[in-house]
C-alpha cells in the first residue's frame, strides 16, 4: 500500500536535550516539501504545547501548531468528554494544559512525569482515590527518557505501581494507545497501513504503532539502546537516524 503520511516522535528523533539531532531540521524540511502528510506526535510531559513549539523553532524547525499532537492535550480531551474532575500528578510546566477543568472533589487521577511530585504522599493520595473506583489516566507509559546527561526514570513505572496496588488498569492518553494513533490518523486523513511512525522508543513508538496497524521505523538515536529491536515482534525498519529514514521514505514509489 502506498505511503501517505509520516508521524514523527520529537525527543530522541529530532533532538536530544537542547540539541537538534544532526541534520534533523533538513530531514524534516524534505518531508514537508514532499507530497507526504507530516504529523508530530509526542508523550513529552515536562513541556507544554506552547513550550514545545518554541523549543522546536529555536532548534530550527518550522512546525505548524496544528500538526503537533501531544499526550497532555489528549488527556485533557478525555477528561472533558467524560466530565471528570482530575487529581493532577503532572509536571508544573504542563499544569497549564488543564486550566479551566474543575478540580474540587476529584474523581479521576491523571499521572505523568511529575518529577519530584511523584512522592509518597501524592502517590498514596492517588492510590486512595483509585480505591474508591476513580479511573487512572496515564499521559504515557514510557519507562525512561534521555536528556543530555543520560537516562532518567519516566512515569511508566509509577503507573504500573498504582495499577498493581489498586488492582486497576490505566487508560493511556498518549502512545502506545491505539486511540491516540487513531486520532492522528483521522486528522491526517489516511488508513493505518498508509502511515509510518518513526520513533526511538521500541515499545511506545514502534510496538504501539504496529499494534494500531501502522508501519514503523526505529531510529538509533535518543533513548535507543543496542538490542532494542530484538525486544518486540513484528516487521519494522531500523535506521541510524531521521536522516536515513527520510532517504528511504522518499525513495518509495508514489
C-alpha atoms as a PDB file:
ATOM      1  CA  UNK A   1       0.000   0.000   0.000  1.00  0.00           C
ATOM      2  CA  UNK A   2       1.231   3.499  -0.849  1.00  0.00           C
ATOM      3  CA  UNK A   3       2.686   5.548   1.998  1.00  0.00           C
ATOM      4  CA  UNK A   4       0.733   8.765   2.533  1.00  0.00           C
ATOM      5  CA  UNK A   5       1.770  10.034   5.966  1.00  0.00           C
ATOM      6  CA  UNK A   6       4.755  10.102   8.315  1.00  0.00           C
ATOM      7  CA  UNK A   7       4.371  10.558  12.073  1.00  0.00           C
ATOM      8  CA  UNK A   8       7.489  11.741  13.915  1.00  0.00           C
ATOM      9  CA  UNK A   9       8.264  11.494  17.603  1.00  0.00           C
ATOM     10  CA  UNK A  10      10.112  14.533  18.964  1.00  0.00           C
ATOM     11  CA  UNK A  11      12.616  13.819  21.753  1.00  0.00           C
ATOM     12  CA  UNK A  12      15.247  11.380  20.573  1.00  0.00           C
ATOM     13  CA  UNK A  13      14.230  11.685  16.929  1.00  0.00           C
ATOM     14  CA  UNK A  14      14.506  15.414  16.241  1.00  0.00           C
ATOM     15  CA  UNK A  15      16.520  16.482  19.270  1.00  0.00           C
ATOM     16  CA  UNK A  16      18.292  15.293  22.401  1.00  0.00           C
ATOM     17  CA  UNK A  17      18.097  17.659  25.351  1.00  0.00           C
ATOM     18  CA  UNK A  18      18.684  21.148  23.936  1.00  0.00           C
ATOM     19  CA  UNK A  19      20.453  19.997  20.792  1.00  0.00           C
ATOM     20  CA  UNK A  20      18.959  19.019  17.469  1.00  0.00           C
ATOM     21  CA  UNK A  21      19.930  15.642  16.035  1.00  0.00           C
ATOM     22  CA  UNK A  22      22.467  16.361  13.254  1.00  0.00           C
ATOM     23  CA  UNK A  23      20.677  17.306  10.011  1.00  0.00           C
ATOM     24  CA  UNK A  24      17.263  16.613  11.579  1.00  0.00           C
ATOM     25  CA  UNK A  25      15.867  20.018  10.576  1.00  0.00           C
ATOM     26  CA  UNK A  26      16.949  19.334   6.987  1.00  0.00           C
ATOM     27  CA  UNK A  27      15.265  15.923   7.033  1.00  0.00           C
ATOM     28  CA  UNK A  28      12.030  17.435   8.324  1.00  0.00           C
ATOM     29  CA  UNK A  29      12.149  20.161   5.670  1.00  0.00           C
ATOM     30  CA  UNK A  30      12.497  17.491   2.976  1.00  0.00           C
ATOM     31  CA  UNK A  31       9.407  15.691   4.271  1.00  0.00           C
ATOM     32  CA  UNK A  32       7.481  18.964   4.434  1.00  0.00           C
ATOM     33  CA  UNK A  33       8.385  19.667   0.796  1.00  0.00           C
ATOM     34  CA  UNK A  34       7.175  16.224  -0.301  1.00  0.00           C
ATOM     35  CA  UNK A  35       3.634  15.065  -1.018  1.00  0.00           C
ATOM     36  CA  UNK A  36       3.508  13.201   2.300  1.00  0.00           C
ATOM     37  CA  UNK A  37       1.349  14.354   5.195  1.00  0.00           C
ATOM     38  CA  UNK A  38       3.512  15.044   8.230  1.00  0.00           C
ATOM     39  CA  UNK A  39       2.445  14.941  11.863  1.00  0.00           C
ATOM     40  CA  UNK A  40       4.470  15.300  15.061  1.00  0.00           C
ATOM     41  CA  UNK A  41       3.382  13.101  17.971  1.00  0.00           C
ATOM     42  CA  UNK A  42       4.826  13.137  21.470  1.00  0.00           C
ATOM     43  CA  UNK A  43       4.286  11.914  25.010  1.00  0.00           C
ATOM     44  CA  UNK A  44       6.554  14.654  26.375  1.00  0.00           C
ATOM     45  CA  UNK A  45       5.050  15.724  29.686  1.00  0.00           C
ATOM     46  CA  UNK A  46       7.635  18.180  31.009  1.00  0.00           C
ATOM     47  CA  UNK A  47       6.918  20.852  28.399  1.00  0.00           C
ATOM     48  CA  UNK A  48       3.619  22.453  27.425  1.00  0.00           C
ATOM     49  CA  UNK A  49       2.487  22.505  23.825  1.00  0.00           C
ATOM     50  CA  UNK A  50       3.457  26.172  23.522  1.00  0.00           C
ATOM     51  CA  UNK A  51       6.874  25.484  25.038  1.00  0.00           C
ATOM     52  CA  UNK A  52       7.461  22.591  22.641  1.00  0.00           C
ATOM     53  CA  UNK A  53       6.657  24.735  19.618  1.00  0.00           C
ATOM     54  CA  UNK A  54       9.007  27.431  20.885  1.00  0.00           C
ATOM     55  CA  UNK A  55      11.748  24.882  21.596  1.00  0.00           C
ATOM     56  CA  UNK A  56      11.423  23.441  18.099  1.00  0.00           C
ATOM     57  CA  UNK A  57      11.534  26.869  16.493  1.00  0.00           C
ATOM     58  CA  UNK A  58      14.715  27.725  18.378  1.00  0.00           C
ATOM     59  CA  UNK A  59      16.283  24.495  17.096  1.00  0.00           C
ATOM     60  CA  UNK A  60      15.486  25.475  13.508  1.00  0.00           C
ATOM     61  CA  UNK A  61      12.288  23.509  12.903  1.00  0.00           C
ATOM     62  CA  UNK A  62       9.350  25.227  11.213  1.00  0.00           C
ATOM     63  CA  UNK A  63       6.330  23.332  12.514  1.00  0.00           C
ATOM     64  CA  UNK A  64       2.711  24.397  12.170  1.00  0.00           C
ATOM     65  CA  UNK A  65       0.878  24.176  15.529  1.00  0.00           C
ATOM     66  CA  UNK A  66      -1.967  22.147  14.052  1.00  0.00           C
ATOM     67  CA  UNK A  67       0.452  19.341  13.111  1.00  0.00           C
ATOM     68  CA  UNK A  68       1.598  18.774  16.710  1.00  0.00           C
ATOM     69  CA  UNK A  69      -0.250  16.115  18.712  1.00  0.00           C
ATOM     70  CA  UNK A  70       0.615  15.827  22.407  1.00  0.00           C
ATOM     71  CA  UNK A  71      -0.432  13.300  25.017  1.00  0.00           C
ATOM     72  CA  UNK A  72      -1.335  16.009  27.597  1.00  0.00           C
ATOM     73  CA  UNK A  73      -3.803  17.514  25.109  1.00  0.00           C
ATOM     74  CA  UNK A  74      -5.310  14.063  24.510  1.00  0.00           C
ATOM     75  CA  UNK A  75      -5.617  13.620  28.270  1.00  0.00           C
ATOM     76  CA  UNK A  76      -7.463  16.908  28.667  1.00  0.00           C
ATOM     77  CA  UNK A  77      -9.886  15.976  25.894  1.00  0.00           C
ATOM     78  CA  UNK A  78     -10.543  12.613  27.543  1.00  0.00           C
ATOM     79  CA  UNK A  79     -11.374  14.330  30.835  1.00  0.00           C
ATOM     80  CA  UNK A  80     -13.588  16.940  29.181  1.00  0.00           C
ATOM     81  CA  UNK A  81     -15.573  14.399  27.189  1.00  0.00           C
ATOM     82  CA  UNK A  82     -16.361  12.458  30.374  1.00  0.00           C
ATOM     83  CA  UNK A  83     -16.826  15.386  32.734  1.00  0.00           C
ATOM     84  CA  UNK A  84     -14.141  14.260  35.189  1.00  0.00           C
ATOM     85  CA  UNK A  85     -12.529  16.374  37.905  1.00  0.00           C
ATOM     86  CA  UNK A  86      -8.857  15.399  37.943  1.00  0.00           C
ATOM     87  CA  UNK A  87      -6.331  14.925  40.677  1.00  0.00           C
ATOM     88  CA  UNK A  88      -3.269  16.052  38.733  1.00  0.00           C
ATOM     89  CA  UNK A  89       0.121  14.442  39.287  1.00  0.00           C
ATOM     90  CA  UNK A  90       1.846  16.278  36.452  1.00  0.00           C
ATOM     91  CA  UNK A  91       4.917  18.430  35.895  1.00  0.00           C
ATOM     92  CA  UNK A  92       4.400  22.138  36.750  1.00  0.00           C
ATOM     93  CA  UNK A  93       5.192  23.102  33.150  1.00  0.00           C
ATOM     94  CA  UNK A  94       2.139  21.261  31.781  1.00  0.00           C
ATOM     95  CA  UNK A  95      -0.344  22.203  34.511  1.00  0.00           C
ATOM     96  CA  UNK A  96      -1.482  24.996  32.164  1.00  0.00           C
ATOM     97  CA  UNK A  97      -2.790  22.357  29.749  1.00  0.00           C
ATOM     98  CA  UNK A  98      -5.512  21.525  32.293  1.00  0.00           C
ATOM     99  CA  UNK A  99      -6.533  25.058  33.233  1.00  0.00           C
ATOM    100  CA  UNK A 100     -10.276  25.575  33.444  1.00  0.00           C
ATOM    101  CA  UNK A 101     -11.109  21.998  34.398  1.00  0.00           C
ATOM    102  CA  UNK A 102     -12.966  21.613  37.719  1.00  0.00           C
ATOM    103  CA  UNK A 103     -10.639  20.243  40.406  1.00  0.00           C
ATOM    104  CA  UNK A 104     -12.818  20.163  43.539  1.00  0.00           C
ATOM    105  CA  UNK A 105     -13.563  16.692  44.942  1.00  0.00           C
ATOM    106  CA  UNK A 106     -11.535  14.912  42.245  1.00  0.00           C
ATOM    107  CA  UNK A 107     -12.960  11.749  40.718  1.00  0.00           C
ATOM    108  CA  UNK A 108     -10.064  10.774  38.408  1.00  0.00           C
ATOM    109  CA  UNK A 109      -6.276  10.551  38.667  1.00  0.00           C
ATOM    110  CA  UNK A 110      -4.018  11.950  35.940  1.00  0.00           C
ATOM    111  CA  UNK A 111      -0.438  10.763  36.178  1.00  0.00           C
ATOM    112  CA  UNK A 112       2.509  11.975  34.127  1.00  0.00           C
ATOM    113  CA  UNK A 113       6.185  12.686  34.652  1.00  0.00           C
ATOM    114  CA  UNK A 114       5.661  14.965  37.655  1.00  0.00           C
ATOM    115  CA  UNK A 115       9.335  14.711  38.633  1.00  0.00           C
ATOM    116  CA  UNK A 116       9.560  15.411  42.411  1.00  0.00           C
ATOM    117  CA  UNK A 117       5.760  15.498  42.558  1.00  0.00           C
ATOM    118  CA  UNK A 118       5.784  11.701  42.350  1.00  0.00           C
ATOM    119  CA  UNK A 119       6.469  11.418  46.067  1.00  0.00           C
ATOM    120  CA  UNK A 120       4.911   9.007  48.554  1.00  0.00           C
ATOM    121  CA  UNK A 121       2.283  11.432  49.830  1.00  0.00           C
ATOM    122  CA  UNK A 122       0.966  12.248  46.355  1.00  0.00           C
ATOM    123  CA  UNK A 123       1.076   8.664  45.146  1.00  0.00           C
ATOM    124  CA  UNK A 124      -0.709   7.491  48.293  1.00  0.00           C
ATOM    125  CA  UNK A 125      -3.416  10.125  47.781  1.00  0.00           C
ATOM    126  CA  UNK A 126      -3.832   8.896  44.215  1.00  0.00           C
ATOM    127  CA  UNK A 127      -3.968   5.276  45.400  1.00  0.00           C
ATOM    128  CA  UNK A 128      -6.713   6.027  47.911  1.00  0.00           C
ATOM    129  CA  UNK A 129      -8.757   7.793  45.238  1.00  0.00           C
ATOM    130  CA  UNK A 130      -8.338   4.870  42.857  1.00  0.00           C
ATOM    131  CA  UNK A 131      -9.559   2.509  45.563  1.00  0.00           C
ATOM    132  CA  UNK A 132     -12.895   4.361  45.513  1.00  0.00           C
ATOM    133  CA  UNK A 133     -13.293   3.467  41.839  1.00  0.00           C
ATOM    134  CA  UNK A 134     -11.787   6.559  40.201  1.00  0.00           C
ATOM    135  CA  UNK A 135     -10.135   5.931  36.817  1.00  0.00           C
ATOM    136  CA  UNK A 136      -6.377   6.257  36.322  1.00  0.00           C
ATOM    137  CA  UNK A 137      -5.402   8.264  33.247  1.00  0.00           C
ATOM    138  CA  UNK A 138      -1.754   7.973  32.231  1.00  0.00           C
ATOM    139  CA  UNK A 139      -0.291  10.509  29.829  1.00  0.00           C
ATOM    140  CA  UNK A 140       2.125   7.787  28.765  1.00  0.00           C
ATOM    141  CA  UNK A 141       3.705   4.554  29.971  1.00  0.00           C
ATOM    142  CA  UNK A 142       7.264   5.263  28.874  1.00  0.00           C
ATOM    143  CA  UNK A 143       9.838   3.502  31.033  1.00  0.00           C
ATOM    144  CA  UNK A 144      12.576   6.102  30.763  1.00  0.00           C
ATOM    145  CA  UNK A 145      13.707   9.075  28.710  1.00  0.00           C
ATOM    146  CA  UNK A 146      17.044  10.563  27.752  1.00  0.00           C
ATOM    147  CA  UNK A 147      18.455  14.050  28.186  1.00  0.00           C
ATOM    148  CA  UNK A 148      21.927  15.452  27.658  1.00  0.00           C
ATOM    149  CA  UNK A 149      23.146  13.939  30.941  1.00  0.00           C
ATOM    150  CA  UNK A 150      21.802  10.436  30.319  1.00  0.00           C
ATOM    151  CA  UNK A 151      18.758   8.268  31.060  1.00  0.00           C
ATOM    152  CA  UNK A 152      16.066   9.208  33.583  1.00  0.00           C
ATOM    153  CA  UNK A 153      13.100   7.356  35.045  1.00  0.00           C
ATOM    154  CA  UNK A 154       9.814   8.224  33.313  1.00  0.00           C
ATOM    155  CA  UNK A 155       6.221   7.928  34.520  1.00  0.00           C
ATOM    156  CA  UNK A 156       5.546   4.366  33.318  1.00  0.00           C
ATOM    157  CA  UNK A 157       6.927   2.593  36.408  1.00  0.00           C
ATOM    158  CA  UNK A 158       4.733   4.760  38.665  1.00  0.00           C
ATOM    159  CA  UNK A 159       1.684   3.980  36.527  1.00  0.00           C
ATOM    160  CA  UNK A 160       2.391   0.265  36.897  1.00  0.00           C
ATOM    161  CA  UNK A 161       2.846   0.656  40.661  1.00  0.00           C
ATOM    162  CA  UNK A 162      -0.573   2.274  41.071  1.00  0.00           C
ATOM    163  CA  UNK A 163      -2.179  -0.312  38.779  1.00  0.00           C
ATOM    164  CA  UNK A 164      -0.707  -3.097  40.922  1.00  0.00           C
ATOM    165  CA  UNK A 165      -1.607  -1.510  44.246  1.00  0.00           C
ATOM    166  CA  UNK A 166      -5.170  -0.523  43.327  1.00  0.00           C
ATOM    167  CA  UNK A 167      -5.948  -3.520  41.124  1.00  0.00           C
ATOM    168  CA  UNK A 168      -6.849  -1.294  38.215  1.00  0.00           C
ATOM    169  CA  UNK A 169      -5.728  -0.654  34.656  1.00  0.00           C
ATOM    170  CA  UNK A 170      -4.763   2.771  33.402  1.00  0.00           C
ATOM    171  CA  UNK A 171      -6.281   4.446  30.396  1.00  0.00           C
ATOM    172  CA  UNK A 172      -3.343   5.666  28.317  1.00  0.00           C
ATOM    173  CA  UNK A 173      -3.861   9.042  26.661  1.00  0.00           C
ATOM    174  CA  UNK A 174      -0.704   9.053  24.537  1.00  0.00           C
ATOM    175  CA  UNK A 175       1.464   6.453  22.838  1.00  0.00           C
ATOM    176  CA  UNK A 176       1.218   3.437  22.733  1.00  0.00           C
ATOM    177  CA  UNK A 177      -2.575   3.868  22.926  1.00  0.00           C
ATOM    178  CA  UNK A 178      -4.313   2.814  19.716  1.00  0.00           C
ATOM    179  CA  UNK A 179      -6.895   5.550  20.372  1.00  0.00           C
ATOM    180  CA  UNK A 180      -4.131   8.160  20.258  1.00  0.00           C
ATOM    181  CA  UNK A 181      -2.821   6.824  16.956  1.00  0.00           C
ATOM    182  CA  UNK A 182      -6.364   6.689  15.554  1.00  0.00           C
ATOM    183  CA  UNK A 183      -6.871  10.374  16.341  1.00  0.00           C
ATOM    184  CA  UNK A 184      -3.691  11.312  14.471  1.00  0.00           C
ATOM    185  CA  UNK A 185      -4.701   9.064  11.559  1.00  0.00           C
ATOM    186  CA  UNK A 186      -8.115  10.720  11.420  1.00  0.00           C
ATOM    187  CA  UNK A 187      -6.516  14.145  11.265  1.00  0.00           C
ATOM    188  CA  UNK A 188      -4.020  13.017   8.616  1.00  0.00           C
ATOM    189  CA  UNK A 189      -6.826  11.503   6.543  1.00  0.00           C
ATOM    190  CA  UNK A 190      -5.231   8.127   5.939  1.00  0.00           C
ATOM    191  CA  UNK A 191      -5.572   4.458   6.815  1.00  0.00           C
ATOM    192  CA  UNK A 192      -3.198   2.852   9.342  1.00  0.00           C
ATOM    193  CA  UNK A 193      -1.295   0.965   6.639  1.00  0.00           C
ATOM    194  CA  UNK A 194      -0.699   4.249   4.811  1.00  0.00           C
ATOM    195  CA  UNK A 195       1.166   5.823   7.749  1.00  0.00           C
ATOM    196  CA  UNK A 196       4.683   5.358   9.103  1.00  0.00           C
ATOM    197  CA  UNK A 197       5.541   6.038  12.752  1.00  0.00           C
ATOM    198  CA  UNK A 198       9.163   6.997  13.428  1.00  0.00           C
ATOM    199  CA  UNK A 199      10.477   6.869  16.986  1.00  0.00           C
ATOM    200  CA  UNK A 200      13.333   5.995  19.323  1.00  0.00           C
ATOM    201  CA  UNK A 201      11.167   4.075  21.820  1.00  0.00           C
ATOM    202  CA  UNK A 202      10.770   0.477  20.666  1.00  0.00           C
ATOM    203  CA  UNK A 203       7.737  -0.027  22.902  1.00  0.00           C
ATOM    204  CA  UNK A 204       5.851   3.271  22.931  1.00  0.00           C
ATOM    205  CA  UNK A 205       6.577   4.272  19.333  1.00  0.00           C
ATOM    206  CA  UNK A 206       7.255   1.122  17.324  1.00  0.00           C
ATOM    207  CA  UNK A 207       5.289  -1.580  19.129  1.00  0.00           C
ATOM    208  CA  UNK A 208       2.395   0.795  19.776  1.00  0.00           C
ATOM    209  CA  UNK A 209       2.241   1.765  16.100  1.00  0.00           C
ATOM    210  CA  UNK A 210       2.371  -1.855  14.932  1.00  0.00           C
ATOM    211  CA  UNK A 211      -0.467  -2.818  17.275  1.00  0.00           C
ATOM    212  CA  UNK A 212      -2.522   0.064  15.834  1.00  0.00           C
ATOM    213  CA  UNK A 213      -1.885  -1.206  12.299  1.00  0.00           C
ATOM    214  CA  UNK A 214       0.686   1.389  11.237  1.00  0.00           C
ATOM    215  CA  UNK A 215       4.090   0.833   9.703  1.00  0.00           C
ATOM    216  CA  UNK A 216       7.007   1.677  11.999  1.00  0.00           C
ATOM    217  CA  UNK A 217      10.651   2.696  11.931  1.00  0.00           C
ATOM    218  CA  UNK A 218      13.042   2.660  14.898  1.00  0.00           C
ATOM    219  CA  UNK A 219      15.871   5.209  14.922  1.00  0.00           C
ATOM    220  CA  UNK A 220      19.131   4.505  16.723  1.00  0.00           C
ATOM    221  CA  UNK A 221      19.255   7.897  18.403  1.00  0.00           C
ATOM    222  CA  UNK A 222      17.777   9.257  21.635  1.00  0.00           C
ATOM    223  CA  UNK A 223      16.884   6.552  24.140  1.00  0.00           C
ATOM    224  CA  UNK A 224      17.668   3.727  21.697  1.00  0.00           C
ATOM    225  CA  UNK A 225      19.946   1.082  23.188  1.00  0.00           C
ATOM    226  CA  UNK A 226      21.691  -1.714  21.353  1.00  0.00           C
ATOM    227  CA  UNK A 227      19.398  -4.704  21.042  1.00  0.00           C
ATOM    228  CA  UNK A 228      16.127  -2.772  21.412  1.00  0.00           C
ATOM    229  CA  UNK A 229      14.973  -4.078  18.027  1.00  0.00           C
ATOM    230  CA  UNK A 230      15.031  -7.629  19.420  1.00  0.00           C
ATOM    231  CA  UNK A 231      12.662  -6.817  22.299  1.00  0.00           C
ATOM    232  CA  UNK A 232       9.470  -6.905  20.269  1.00  0.00           C
ATOM    233  CA  UNK A 233       7.925  -8.933  17.461  1.00  0.00           C
ATOM    234  CA  UNK A 234       6.680  -7.595  14.160  1.00  0.00           C
ATOM    235  CA  UNK A 235       8.016  -6.216  10.923  1.00  0.00           C
ATOM    236  CA  UNK A 236       9.560  -2.762  11.166  1.00  0.00           C
ATOM    237  CA  UNK A 237      12.575  -0.863   9.908  1.00  0.00           C
ATOM    238  CA  UNK A 238      15.678   0.284  11.772  1.00  0.00           C
ATOM    239  CA  UNK A 239      17.747   3.284  10.682  1.00  0.00           C
ATOM    240  CA  UNK A 240      20.672   5.168  12.279  1.00  0.00           C
ATOM    241  CA  UNK A 241      18.786   8.490  12.401  1.00  0.00           C
ATOM    242  CA  UNK A 242      15.972  10.585  10.954  1.00  0.00           C
ATOM    243  CA  UNK A 243      18.221  11.441   8.008  1.00  0.00           C
ATOM    244  CA  UNK A 244      18.366   7.829   6.830  1.00  0.00           C
ATOM    245  CA  UNK A 245      14.643   7.395   7.490  1.00  0.00           C
ATOM    246  CA  UNK A 246      13.830  10.261   5.140  1.00  0.00           C
ATOM    247  CA  UNK A 247      16.230   8.939   2.497  1.00  0.00           C
ATOM    248  CA  UNK A 248      14.445   5.593   2.480  1.00  0.00           C
ATOM    249  CA  UNK A 249      10.944   7.092   2.649  1.00  0.00           C
ATOM    250  CA  UNK A 250      11.471   9.448  -0.264  1.00  0.00           C
ATOM    251  CA  UNK A 251      12.725   6.576  -2.412  1.00  0.00           C
ATOM    252  CA  UNK A 252       9.451   4.671  -2.020  1.00  0.00           C
ATOM    253  CA  UNK A 253       7.245   4.615  -5.148  1.00  0.00           C
ATOM    254  CA  UNK A 254       4.293   7.006  -5.195  1.00  0.00           C
END
